[in-house]
Amino acid sequence: MATAVRYSLEELGLVAPGRSVEVRVPPYGAVQVIAGQVHRRGTPPNVVEMSADVWLALVVGDLAWDDALSSGTVSASGGRSDLTPYLPLMRSSR
């Protein structure tokens, strides 16, 4: 699971380069993505955090971003924290 999370966070960084949003999947990793105002110190104003299971479901399209937000399984703060344009990163083979 750790490898899948880290790999997919790296992929997100490639498709959404930038440093305006921090995506956190504890305890496995975090990445700064999406072009915009760069954050340098302290807690960024745009933070997305979720469990590894939820992240991987989003990555393969088994869970929609809006469904994850409405169910409370994703915590997203800040005006730039919508990851809809970047997810899913890969399609599930199901």
PDB file of N, CA and C in Angstrom:
ATOM      1  N   MET A   1       0.821  -1.182   0.000  1.00  0.00           N
ATOM      2  CA  MET A   1       0.000   0.000   0.000  1.00  0.00           C
ATOM      3  C   MET A   1       0.872   1.256   0.000  1.00  0.00           C
ATOM      4  N   ALA A   2       1.931   1.240   0.794  1.00  0.00           N
ATOM      5  CA  ALA A   2       2.810   2.404   0.860  1.00  0.00           C
ATOM      6  C   ALA A   2       3.390   2.747  -0.512  1.00  0.00           C
ATOM      7  N   THR A   3       3.812   1.732  -1.246  1.00  0.00           N
ATOM      8  CA  THR A   3       4.387   1.959  -2.579  1.00  0.00           C
ATOM      9  C   THR A   3       3.352   2.541  -3.535  1.00  0.00           C
ATOM     10  N   ALA A   4       2.152   2.007  -3.494  1.00  0.00           N
ATOM     11  CA  ALA A   4       1.087   2.502  -4.375  1.00  0.00           C
ATOM     12  C   ALA A   4       0.759   3.955  -4.071  1.00  0.00           C
ATOM     13  N   VAL A   5       0.688   4.306  -2.795  1.00  0.00           N
ATOM     14  CA  VAL A   5       0.398   5.693  -2.411  1.00  0.00           C
ATOM     15  C   VAL A   5       1.515   6.615  -2.862  1.00  0.00           C
ATOM     16  N   ARG A   6       2.738   6.242  -2.576  1.00  0.00           N
ATOM     17  CA  ARG A   6       3.876   7.111  -2.947  1.00  0.00           C
ATOM     18  C   ARG A   6       3.979   7.283  -4.457  1.00  0.00           C
ATOM     19  N   TYR A   7       3.813   6.198  -5.191  1.00  0.00           N
ATOM     20  CA  TYR A   7       3.872   6.270  -6.650  1.00  0.00           C
ATOM     21  C   TYR A   7       2.768   7.182  -7.192  1.00  0.00           C
ATOM     22  N   SER A   8       1.551   7.003  -6.697  1.00  0.00           N
ATOM     23  CA  SER A   8       0.441   7.801  -7.212  1.00  0.00           C
ATOM     24  C   SER A   8       0.556   9.272  -6.808  1.00  0.00           C
ATOM     25  N   LEU A   9       1.122   9.556  -5.651  1.00  0.00           N
ATOM     26  CA  LEU A   9       1.369  10.954  -5.284  1.00  0.00           C
ATOM     27  C   LEU A   9       2.402  11.581  -6.222  1.00  0.00           C
ATOM     28  N   GLU A  10       3.428  10.810  -6.578  1.00  0.00           N
ATOM     29  CA  GLU A  10       4.413  11.297  -7.550  1.00  0.00           C
ATOM     30  C   GLU A  10       3.753  11.568  -8.890  1.00  0.00           C
ATOM     31  N   GLU A  11       2.862  10.678  -9.319  1.00  0.00           N
ATOM     32  CA  GLU A  11       2.147  10.863 -10.586  1.00  0.00           C
ATOM     33  C   GLU A  11       1.278  12.125 -10.545  1.00  0.00           C
ATOM     34  N   LEU A  12       0.617  12.352  -9.418  1.00  0.00           N
ATOM     35  CA  LEU A  12      -0.177  13.573  -9.277  1.00  0.00           C
ATOM     36  C   LEU A  12       0.707  14.797  -9.439  1.00  0.00           C
ATOM     37  N   GLY A  13       1.899  14.738  -8.869  1.00  0.00           N
ATOM     38  CA  GLY A  13       2.847  15.842  -9.015  1.00  0.00           C
ATOM     39  C   GLY A  13       3.244  16.095 -10.456  1.00  0.00           C
ATOM     40  N   LEU A  14       3.256  15.053 -11.273  1.00  0.00           N
ATOM     41  CA  LEU A  14       3.600  15.210 -12.689  1.00  0.00           C
ATOM     42  C   LEU A  14       2.453  15.799 -13.499  1.00  0.00           C
ATOM     43  N   VAL A  15       1.216  15.407 -13.190  1.00  0.00           N
ATOM     44  CA  VAL A  15       0.081  15.907 -13.964  1.00  0.00           C
ATOM     45  C   VAL A  15      -0.450  17.244 -13.453  1.00  0.00           C
ATOM     46  N   ALA A  16      -0.096  17.599 -12.228  1.00  0.00           N
ATOM     47  CA  ALA A  16      -0.547  18.867 -11.641  1.00  0.00           C
ATOM     48  C   ALA A  16       0.631  19.578 -10.981  1.00  0.00           C
ATOM     49  N   PRO A  17       1.647  19.954 -11.773  1.00  0.00           N
ATOM     50  CA  PRO A  17       2.833  20.561 -11.173  1.00  0.00           C
ATOM     51  C   PRO A  17       2.520  21.901 -10.511  1.00  0.00           C
ATOM     52  N   GLY A  18       3.208  22.154  -9.440  1.00  0.00           N
ATOM     53  CA  GLY A  18       3.040  23.407  -8.711  1.00  0.00           C
ATOM     54  C   GLY A  18       3.242  23.187  -7.227  1.00  0.00           C
ATOM     55  N   ARG A  19       2.949  24.239  -6.466  1.00  0.00           N
ATOM     56  CA  ARG A  19       3.163  24.149  -5.016  1.00  0.00           C
ATOM     57  C   ARG A  19       2.097  24.896  -4.236  1.00  0.00           C
ATOM     58  N   SER A  20       0.901  25.023  -4.789  1.00  0.00           N
ATOM     59  CA  SER A  20      -0.116  25.805  -4.086  1.00  0.00           C
ATOM     60  C   SER A  20      -1.041  24.946  -3.213  1.00  0.00           C
ATOM     61  N   VAL A  21      -1.036  23.622  -3.404  1.00  0.00           N
ATOM     62  CA  VAL A  21      -1.890  22.717  -2.634  1.00  0.00           C
ATOM     63  C   VAL A  21      -1.035  21.569  -2.111  1.00  0.00           C
ATOM     64  N   GLU A  22      -1.218  21.238  -0.846  1.00  0.00           N
ATOM     65  CA  GLU A  22      -0.519  20.088  -0.292  1.00  0.00           C
ATOM     66  C   GLU A  22      -1.510  18.946  -0.123  1.00  0.00           C
ATOM     67  N   VAL A  23      -1.209  17.807  -0.733  1.00  0.00           N
ATOM     68  CA  VAL A  23      -2.031  16.605  -0.618  1.00  0.00           C
ATOM     69  C   VAL A  23      -1.313  15.657   0.327  1.00  0.00           C
ATOM     70  N   ARG A  24      -2.007  15.282   1.400  1.00  0.00           N
ATOM     71  CA  ARG A  24      -1.414  14.438   2.443  1.00  0.00           C
ATOM     72  C   ARG A  24      -2.155  13.111   2.542  1.00  0.00           C
ATOM     73  N   VAL A  25      -1.379  12.035   2.566  1.00  0.00           N
ATOM     74  CA  VAL A  25      -1.926  10.688   2.780  1.00  0.00           C
ATOM     75  C   VAL A  25      -1.074  10.046   3.872  1.00  0.00           C
ATOM     76  N   PRO A  26      -1.372  10.402   5.135  1.00  0.00           N
ATOM     77  CA  PRO A  26      -0.553   9.876   6.220  1.00  0.00           C
ATOM     78  C   PRO A  26      -0.793   8.386   6.436  1.00  0.00           C
ATOM     79  N   PRO A  27       0.195   7.638   6.842  1.00  0.00           N
ATOM     80  CA  PRO A  27       1.570   8.041   7.128  1.00  0.00           C
ATOM     81  C   PRO A  27       2.504   7.887   5.927  1.00  0.00           C
ATOM     82  N   TYR A  28       1.938   7.704   4.730  1.00  0.00           N
ATOM     83  CA  TYR A  28       2.746   7.309   3.586  1.00  0.00           C
ATOM     84  C   TYR A  28       3.403   8.439   2.807  1.00  0.00           C
ATOM     85  N   GLY A  29       2.785   9.600   2.751  1.00  0.00           N
ATOM     86  CA  GLY A  29       3.422  10.655   1.981  1.00  0.00           C
ATOM     87  C   GLY A  29       2.569  11.885   1.808  1.00  0.00           C
ATOM     88  N   ALA A  30       3.189  12.872   1.201  1.00  0.00           N
ATOM     89  CA  ALA A  30       2.531  14.145   0.884  1.00  0.00           C
ATOM     90  C   ALA A  30       3.229  14.721  -0.339  1.00  0.00           C
ATOM     91  N   VAL A  31       2.488  15.534  -1.075  1.00  0.00           N
ATOM     92  CA  VAL A  31       3.048  16.164  -2.264  1.00  0.00           C
ATOM     93  C   VAL A  31       2.420  17.548  -2.411  1.00  0.00           C
ATOM     94  N   GLN A  32       3.202  18.479  -2.910  1.00  0.00           N
ATOM     95  CA  GLN A  32       2.673  19.802  -3.228  1.00  0.00           C
ATOM     96  C   GLN A  32       2.424  19.855  -4.722  1.00  0.00           C
ATOM     97  N   VAL A  33       1.231  20.315  -5.093  1.00  0.00           N
ATOM     98  CA  VAL A  33       0.787  20.280  -6.486  1.00  0.00           C
ATOM     99  C   VAL A  33       0.020  21.547  -6.844  1.00  0.00           C
ATOM    100  N   ILE A  34      -0.337  21.678  -8.082  1.00  0.00           N
ATOM    101  CA  ILE A  34      -1.180  22.704  -8.684  1.00  0.00           C
ATOM    102  C   ILE A  34      -0.491  24.068  -8.693  1.00  0.00           C
ATOM    103  N   ALA A  35      -0.381  24.600  -9.887  1.00  0.00           N
ATOM    104  CA  ALA A  35       0.248  25.909 -10.078  1.00  0.00           C
ATOM    105  C   ALA A  35      -0.552  26.988  -9.360  1.00  0.00           C
ATOM    106  N   GLY A  36       0.145  27.975  -8.908  1.00  0.00           N
ATOM    107  CA  GLY A  36      -0.487  29.090  -8.197  1.00  0.00           C
ATOM    108  C   GLY A  36       0.499  29.665  -7.210  1.00  0.00           C
ATOM    109  N   GLN A  37      -0.030  30.413  -6.275  1.00  0.00           N
ATOM    110  CA  GLN A  37       0.814  31.045  -5.275  1.00  0.00           C
ATOM    111  C   GLN A  37       1.562  29.990  -4.468  1.00  0.00           C
ATOM    112  N   VAL A  38       2.878  30.126  -4.406  1.00  0.00           N
ATOM    113  CA  VAL A  38       3.735  29.168  -3.709  1.00  0.00           C
ATOM    114  C   VAL A  38       3.716  29.442  -2.220  1.00  0.00           C
ATOM    115  N   HIS A  39       3.568  28.378  -1.458  1.00  0.00           N
ATOM    116  CA  HIS A  39       3.585  28.481  -0.003  1.00  0.00           C
ATOM    117  C   HIS A  39       4.954  28.033   0.502  1.00  0.00           C
ATOM    118  N   ARG A  40       5.535  28.797   1.417  1.00  0.00           N
ATOM    119  CA  ARG A  40       6.905  28.492   1.853  1.00  0.00           C
ATOM    120  C   ARG A  40       7.041  28.046   3.317  1.00  0.00           C
ATOM    121  N   ARG A  41       6.207  28.553   4.231  1.00  0.00           N
ATOM    122  CA  ARG A  41       6.410  28.234   5.646  1.00  0.00           C
ATOM    123  C   ARG A  41       5.095  27.945   6.343  1.00  0.00           C
ATOM    124  N   GLY A  42       5.141  27.063   7.336  1.00  0.00           N
ATOM    125  CA  GLY A  42       3.951  26.760   8.120  1.00  0.00           C
ATOM    126  C   GLY A  42       2.954  25.908   7.363  1.00  0.00           C
ATOM    127  N   THR A  43       1.749  25.882   7.854  1.00  0.00           N
ATOM    128  CA  THR A  43       0.698  25.090   7.216  1.00  0.00           C
ATOM    129  C   THR A  43       0.189  25.817   5.978  1.00  0.00           C
ATOM    130  N   PRO A  44       0.170  25.138   4.846  1.00  0.00           N
ATOM    131  CA  PRO A  44      -0.317  25.778   3.623  1.00  0.00           C
ATOM    132  C   PRO A  44      -1.804  26.112   3.724  1.00  0.00           C
ATOM    133  N   PRO A  45      -2.264  27.130   3.003  1.00  0.00           N
ATOM    134  CA  PRO A  45      -3.686  27.490   3.048  1.00  0.00           C
ATOM    135  C   PRO A  45      -4.578  26.486   2.317  1.00  0.00           C
ATOM    136  N   ASN A  46      -4.013  25.710   1.415  1.00  0.00           N
ATOM    137  CA  ASN A  46      -4.771  24.714   0.657  1.00  0.00           C
ATOM    138  C   ASN A  46      -4.228  23.336   0.980  1.00  0.00           C
ATOM    139  N   VAL A  47      -4.984  22.574   1.773  1.00  0.00           N
ATOM    140  CA  VAL A  47      -4.535  21.252   2.218  1.00  0.00           C
ATOM    141  C   VAL A  47      -5.642  20.237   1.959  1.00  0.00           C
ATOM    142  N   VAL A  48      -5.247  19.094   1.414  1.00  0.00           N
ATOM    143  CA  VAL A  48      -6.152  17.970   1.207  1.00  0.00           C
ATOM    144  C   VAL A  48      -5.553  16.786   1.959  1.00  0.00           C
ATOM    145  N   GLU A  49      -6.372  16.126   2.775  1.00  0.00           N
ATOM    146  CA  GLU A  49      -5.861  14.990   3.550  1.00  0.00           C
ATOM    147  C   GLU A  49      -6.891  13.873   3.584  1.00  0.00           C
ATOM    148  N   MET A  50      -6.392  12.637   3.485  1.00  0.00           N
ATOM    149  CA  MET A  50      -7.269  11.468   3.500  1.00  0.00           C
ATOM    150  C   MET A  50      -6.455  10.225   3.836  1.00  0.00           C
ATOM    151  N   SER A  51      -7.163   9.133   4.073  1.00  0.00           N
ATOM    152  CA  SER A  51      -6.502   7.850   4.333  1.00  0.00           C
ATOM    153  C   SER A  51      -5.993   7.262   3.021  1.00  0.00           C
ATOM    154  N   ALA A  52      -5.125   6.283   3.151  1.00  0.00           N
ATOM    155  CA  ALA A  52      -4.566   5.616   1.970  1.00  0.00           C
ATOM    156  C   ALA A  52      -5.646   4.909   1.159  1.00  0.00           C
ATOM    157  N   ASP A  53      -6.593   4.269   1.825  1.00  0.00           N
ATOM    158  CA  ASP A  53      -7.667   3.563   1.115  1.00  0.00           C
ATOM    159  C   ASP A  53      -8.489   4.529   0.267  1.00  0.00           C
ATOM    160  N   VAL A  54      -8.833   5.651   0.836  1.00  0.00           N
ATOM    161  CA  VAL A  54      -9.620   6.649   0.106  1.00  0.00           C
ATOM    162  C   VAL A  54      -8.811   7.207  -1.057  1.00  0.00           C
ATOM    163  N   TRP A  55      -7.544   7.536  -0.818  1.00  0.00           N
ATOM    164  CA  TRP A  55      -6.697   8.070  -1.881  1.00  0.00           C
ATOM    165  C   TRP A  55      -6.619   7.103  -3.067  1.00  0.00           C
ATOM    166  N   LEU A  56      -6.358   5.853  -2.787  1.00  0.00           N
ATOM    167  CA  LEU A  56      -6.221   4.881  -3.873  1.00  0.00           C
ATOM    168  C   LEU A  56      -7.545   4.664  -4.609  1.00  0.00           C
ATOM    169  N   ALA A  57      -8.665   4.724  -3.896  1.00  0.00           N
ATOM    170  CA  ALA A  57      -9.971   4.628  -4.559  1.00  0.00           C
ATOM    171  C   ALA A  57     -10.192   5.817  -5.490  1.00  0.00           C
ATOM    172  N   LEU A  58      -9.757   7.001  -5.082  1.00  0.00           N
ATOM    173  CA  LEU A  58      -9.847   8.186  -5.941  1.00  0.00           C
ATOM    174  C   LEU A  58      -8.933   8.049  -7.155  1.00  0.00           C
ATOM    175  N   VAL A  59      -7.734   7.540  -6.929  1.00  0.00           N
ATOM    176  CA  VAL A  59      -6.734   7.410  -7.993  1.00  0.00           C
ATOM    177  C   VAL A  59      -7.229   6.519  -9.124  1.00  0.00           C
ATOM    178  N   VAL A  60      -7.904   5.420  -8.788  1.00  0.00           N
ATOM    179  CA  VAL A  60      -8.348   4.486  -9.828  1.00  0.00           C
ATOM    180  C   VAL A  60      -9.787   4.717 -10.281  1.00  0.00           C
ATOM    181  N   GLY A  61     -10.453   5.697  -9.703  1.00  0.00           N
ATOM    182  CA  GLY A  61     -11.807   6.020 -10.136  1.00  0.00           C
ATOM    183  C   GLY A  61     -12.904   5.220  -9.473  1.00  0.00           C
ATOM    184  N   ASP A  62     -12.592   4.486  -8.417  1.00  0.00           N
ATOM    185  CA  ASP A  62     -13.620   3.742  -7.688  1.00  0.00           C
ATOM    186  C   ASP A  62     -14.431   4.649  -6.765  1.00  0.00           C
ATOM    187  N   LEU A  63     -13.946   5.863  -6.537  1.00  0.00           N
ATOM    188  CA  LEU A  63     -14.610   6.846  -5.688  1.00  0.00           C
ATOM    189  C   LEU A  63     -14.510   8.200  -6.368  1.00  0.00           C
ATOM    190  N   ALA A  64     -15.605   8.910  -6.433  1.00  0.00           N
ATOM    191  CA  ALA A  64     -15.621  10.249  -7.031  1.00  0.00           C
ATOM    192  C   ALA A  64     -15.240  11.284  -5.981  1.00  0.00           C
ATOM    193  N   TRP A  65     -14.585  12.350  -6.421  1.00  0.00           N
ATOM    194  CA  TRP A  65     -14.133  13.416  -5.534  1.00  0.00           C
ATOM    195  C   TRP A  65     -15.300  13.992  -4.727  1.00  0.00           C
ATOM    196  N   ASP A  66     -16.405  14.323  -5.392  1.00  0.00           N
ATOM    197  CA  ASP A  66     -17.549  14.917  -4.695  1.00  0.00           C
ATOM    198  C   ASP A  66     -18.132  13.965  -3.651  1.00  0.00           C
ATOM    199  N   ASP A  67     -18.155  12.682  -3.961  1.00  0.00           N
ATOM    200  CA  ASP A  67     -18.653  11.694  -2.999  1.00  0.00           C
ATOM    201  C   ASP A  67     -17.736  11.600  -1.783  1.00  0.00           C
ATOM    202  N   ALA A  68     -16.448  11.656  -2.024  1.00  0.00           N
ATOM    203  CA  ALA A  68     -15.484  11.596  -0.918  1.00  0.00           C
ATOM    204  C   ALA A  68     -15.614  12.817  -0.016  1.00  0.00           C
ATOM    205  N   LEU A  69     -15.804  13.988  -0.619  1.00  0.00           N
ATOM    206  CA  LEU A  69     -15.984  15.203   0.176  1.00  0.00           C
ATOM    207  C   LEU A  69     -17.275  15.154   0.978  1.00  0.00           C
ATOM    208  N   SER A  70     -18.365  14.789   0.330  1.00  0.00           N
ATOM    209  CA  SER A  70     -19.661  14.805   1.015  1.00  0.00           C
ATOM    210  C   SER A  70     -19.740  13.757   2.126  1.00  0.00           C
ATOM    211  N   SER A  71     -19.013  12.665   1.987  1.00  0.00           N
ATOM    212  CA  SER A  71     -19.021  11.638   3.033  1.00  0.00           C
ATOM    213  C   SER A  71     -18.069  11.960   4.180  1.00  0.00           C
ATOM    214  N   GLY A  72     -17.216  12.955   3.980  1.00  0.00           N
ATOM    215  CA  GLY A  72     -16.274  13.339   5.028  1.00  0.00           C
ATOM    216  C   GLY A  72     -15.008  12.502   5.062  1.00  0.00           C
ATOM    217  N   THR A  73     -14.794  11.668   4.053  1.00  0.00           N
ATOM    218  CA  THR A  73     -13.583  10.846   4.039  1.00  0.00           C
ATOM    219  C   THR A  73     -12.375  11.615   3.515  1.00  0.00           C
ATOM    220  N   VAL A  74     -12.624  12.798   2.958  1.00  0.00           N
ATOM    221  CA  VAL A  74     -11.554  13.697   2.518  1.00  0.00           C
ATOM    222  C   VAL A  74     -11.728  15.014   3.240  1.00  0.00           C
ATOM    223  N   SER A  75     -10.635  15.519   3.776  1.00  0.00           N
ATOM    224  CA  SER A  75     -10.619  16.850   4.365  1.00  0.00           C
ATOM    225  C   SER A  75      -9.920  17.763   3.374  1.00  0.00           C
ATOM    226  N   ALA A  76     -10.612  18.809   2.920  1.00  0.00           N
ATOM    227  CA  ALA A  76     -10.036  19.726   1.929  1.00  0.00           C
ATOM    228  C   ALA A  76     -10.318  21.154   2.363  1.00  0.00           C
ATOM    229  N   SER A  77      -9.254  21.935   2.511  1.00  0.00           N
ATOM    230  CA  SER A  77      -9.415  23.332   2.895  1.00  0.00           C
ATOM    231  C   SER A  77      -8.737  24.221   1.863  1.00  0.00           C
ATOM    232  N   GLY A  78      -9.282  25.380   1.667  1.00  0.00           N
ATOM    233  CA  GLY A  78      -8.700  26.339   0.738  1.00  0.00           C
ATOM    234  C   GLY A  78      -9.398  26.314  -0.608  1.00  0.00           C
ATOM    235  N   GLY A  79      -9.362  27.416  -1.277  1.00  0.00           N
ATOM    236  CA  GLY A  79     -10.059  27.593  -2.535  1.00  0.00           C
ATOM    237  C   GLY A  79      -9.485  26.826  -3.704  1.00  0.00           C
ATOM    238  N   ARG A  80      -8.272  26.342  -3.591  1.00  0.00           N
ATOM    239  CA  ARG A  80      -7.640  25.624  -4.700  1.00  0.00           C
ATOM    240  C   ARG A  80      -7.568  24.126  -4.457  1.00  0.00           C
ATOM    241  N   SER A  81      -8.251  23.638  -3.444  1.00  0.00           N
ATOM    242  CA  SER A  81      -8.078  22.242  -3.027  1.00  0.00           C
ATOM    243  C   SER A  81      -8.937  21.232  -3.792  1.00  0.00           C
ATOM    244  N   ASP A  82      -9.623  21.634  -4.834  1.00  0.00           N
ATOM    245  CA  ASP A  82     -10.439  20.715  -5.623  1.00  0.00           C
ATOM    246  C   ASP A  82      -9.550  19.919  -6.579  1.00  0.00           C
ATOM    247  N   LEU A  83      -9.498  18.615  -6.395  1.00  0.00           N
ATOM    248  CA  LEU A  83      -8.657  17.761  -7.235  1.00  0.00           C
ATOM    249  C   LEU A  83      -9.420  17.105  -8.383  1.00  0.00           C
ATOM    250  N   THR A  84     -10.671  17.497  -8.588  1.00  0.00           N
ATOM    251  CA  THR A  84     -11.503  16.908  -9.643  1.00  0.00           C
ATOM    252  C   THR A  84     -10.825  16.877 -11.011  1.00  0.00           C
ATOM    253  N   PRO A  85     -10.142  17.943 -11.456  1.00  0.00           N
ATOM    254  CA  PRO A  85      -9.539  17.895 -12.792  1.00  0.00           C
ATOM    255  C   PRO A  85      -8.418  16.861 -12.944  1.00  0.00           C
ATOM    256  N   TYR A  86      -7.897  16.346 -11.830  1.00  0.00           N
ATOM    257  CA  TYR A  86      -6.725  15.471 -11.874  1.00  0.00           C
ATOM    258  C   TYR A  86      -7.035  14.014 -11.524  1.00  0.00           C
ATOM    259  N   LEU A  87      -8.261  13.754 -11.100  1.00  0.00           N
ATOM    260  CA  LEU A  87      -8.618  12.404 -10.673  1.00  0.00           C
ATOM    261  C   LEU A  87      -9.730  11.848 -11.540  1.00  0.00           C
ATOM    262  N   PRO A  88      -9.754  10.582 -11.843  1.00  0.00           N
ATOM    263  CA  PRO A  88      -8.758   9.590 -11.447  1.00  0.00           C
ATOM    264  C   PRO A  88      -7.465   9.729 -12.250  1.00  0.00           C
ATOM    265  N   LEU A  89      -6.383   9.315 -11.639  1.00  0.00           N
ATOM    266  CA  LEU A  89      -5.082   9.306 -12.308  1.00  0.00           C
ATOM    267  C   LEU A  89      -4.960   8.102 -13.230  1.00  0.00           C
ATOM    268  N   MET A  90      -5.555   7.003 -12.833  1.00  0.00           N
ATOM    269  CA  MET A  90      -5.522   5.739 -13.577  1.00  0.00           C
ATOM    270  C   MET A  90      -6.913   5.147 -13.490  1.00  0.00           C
ATOM    271  N   ARG A  91      -7.262   4.340 -14.425  1.00  0.00           N
ATOM    272  CA  ARG A  91      -8.570   3.685 -14.410  1.00  0.00           C
ATOM    273  C   ARG A  91      -8.446   2.283 -13.849  1.00  0.00           C
ATOM    274  N   SER A  92      -9.418   1.908 -13.037  1.00  0.00           N
ATOM    275  CA  SER A  92      -9.488   0.547 -12.515  1.00  0.00           C
ATOM    276  C   SER A  92      -9.778  -0.405 -13.667  1.00  0.00           C
ATOM    277  N   SER A  93      -9.251  -1.604 -13.592  1.00  0.00           N
ATOM    278  CA  SER A  93      -9.473  -2.591 -14.652  1.00  0.00           C
ATOM    279  C   SER A  93     -10.771  -3.360 -14.447  1.00  0.00           C
ATOM    280  N   ARG A  94     -11.540  -3.005 -13.421  1.00  0.00           N
ATOM    281  CA  ARG A  94     -12.801  -3.694 -13.142  1.00  0.00           C
ATOM    282  C   ARG A  94     -13.853  -3.350 -14.145  1.00  0.00           C
TER     283      ARG A  94
END
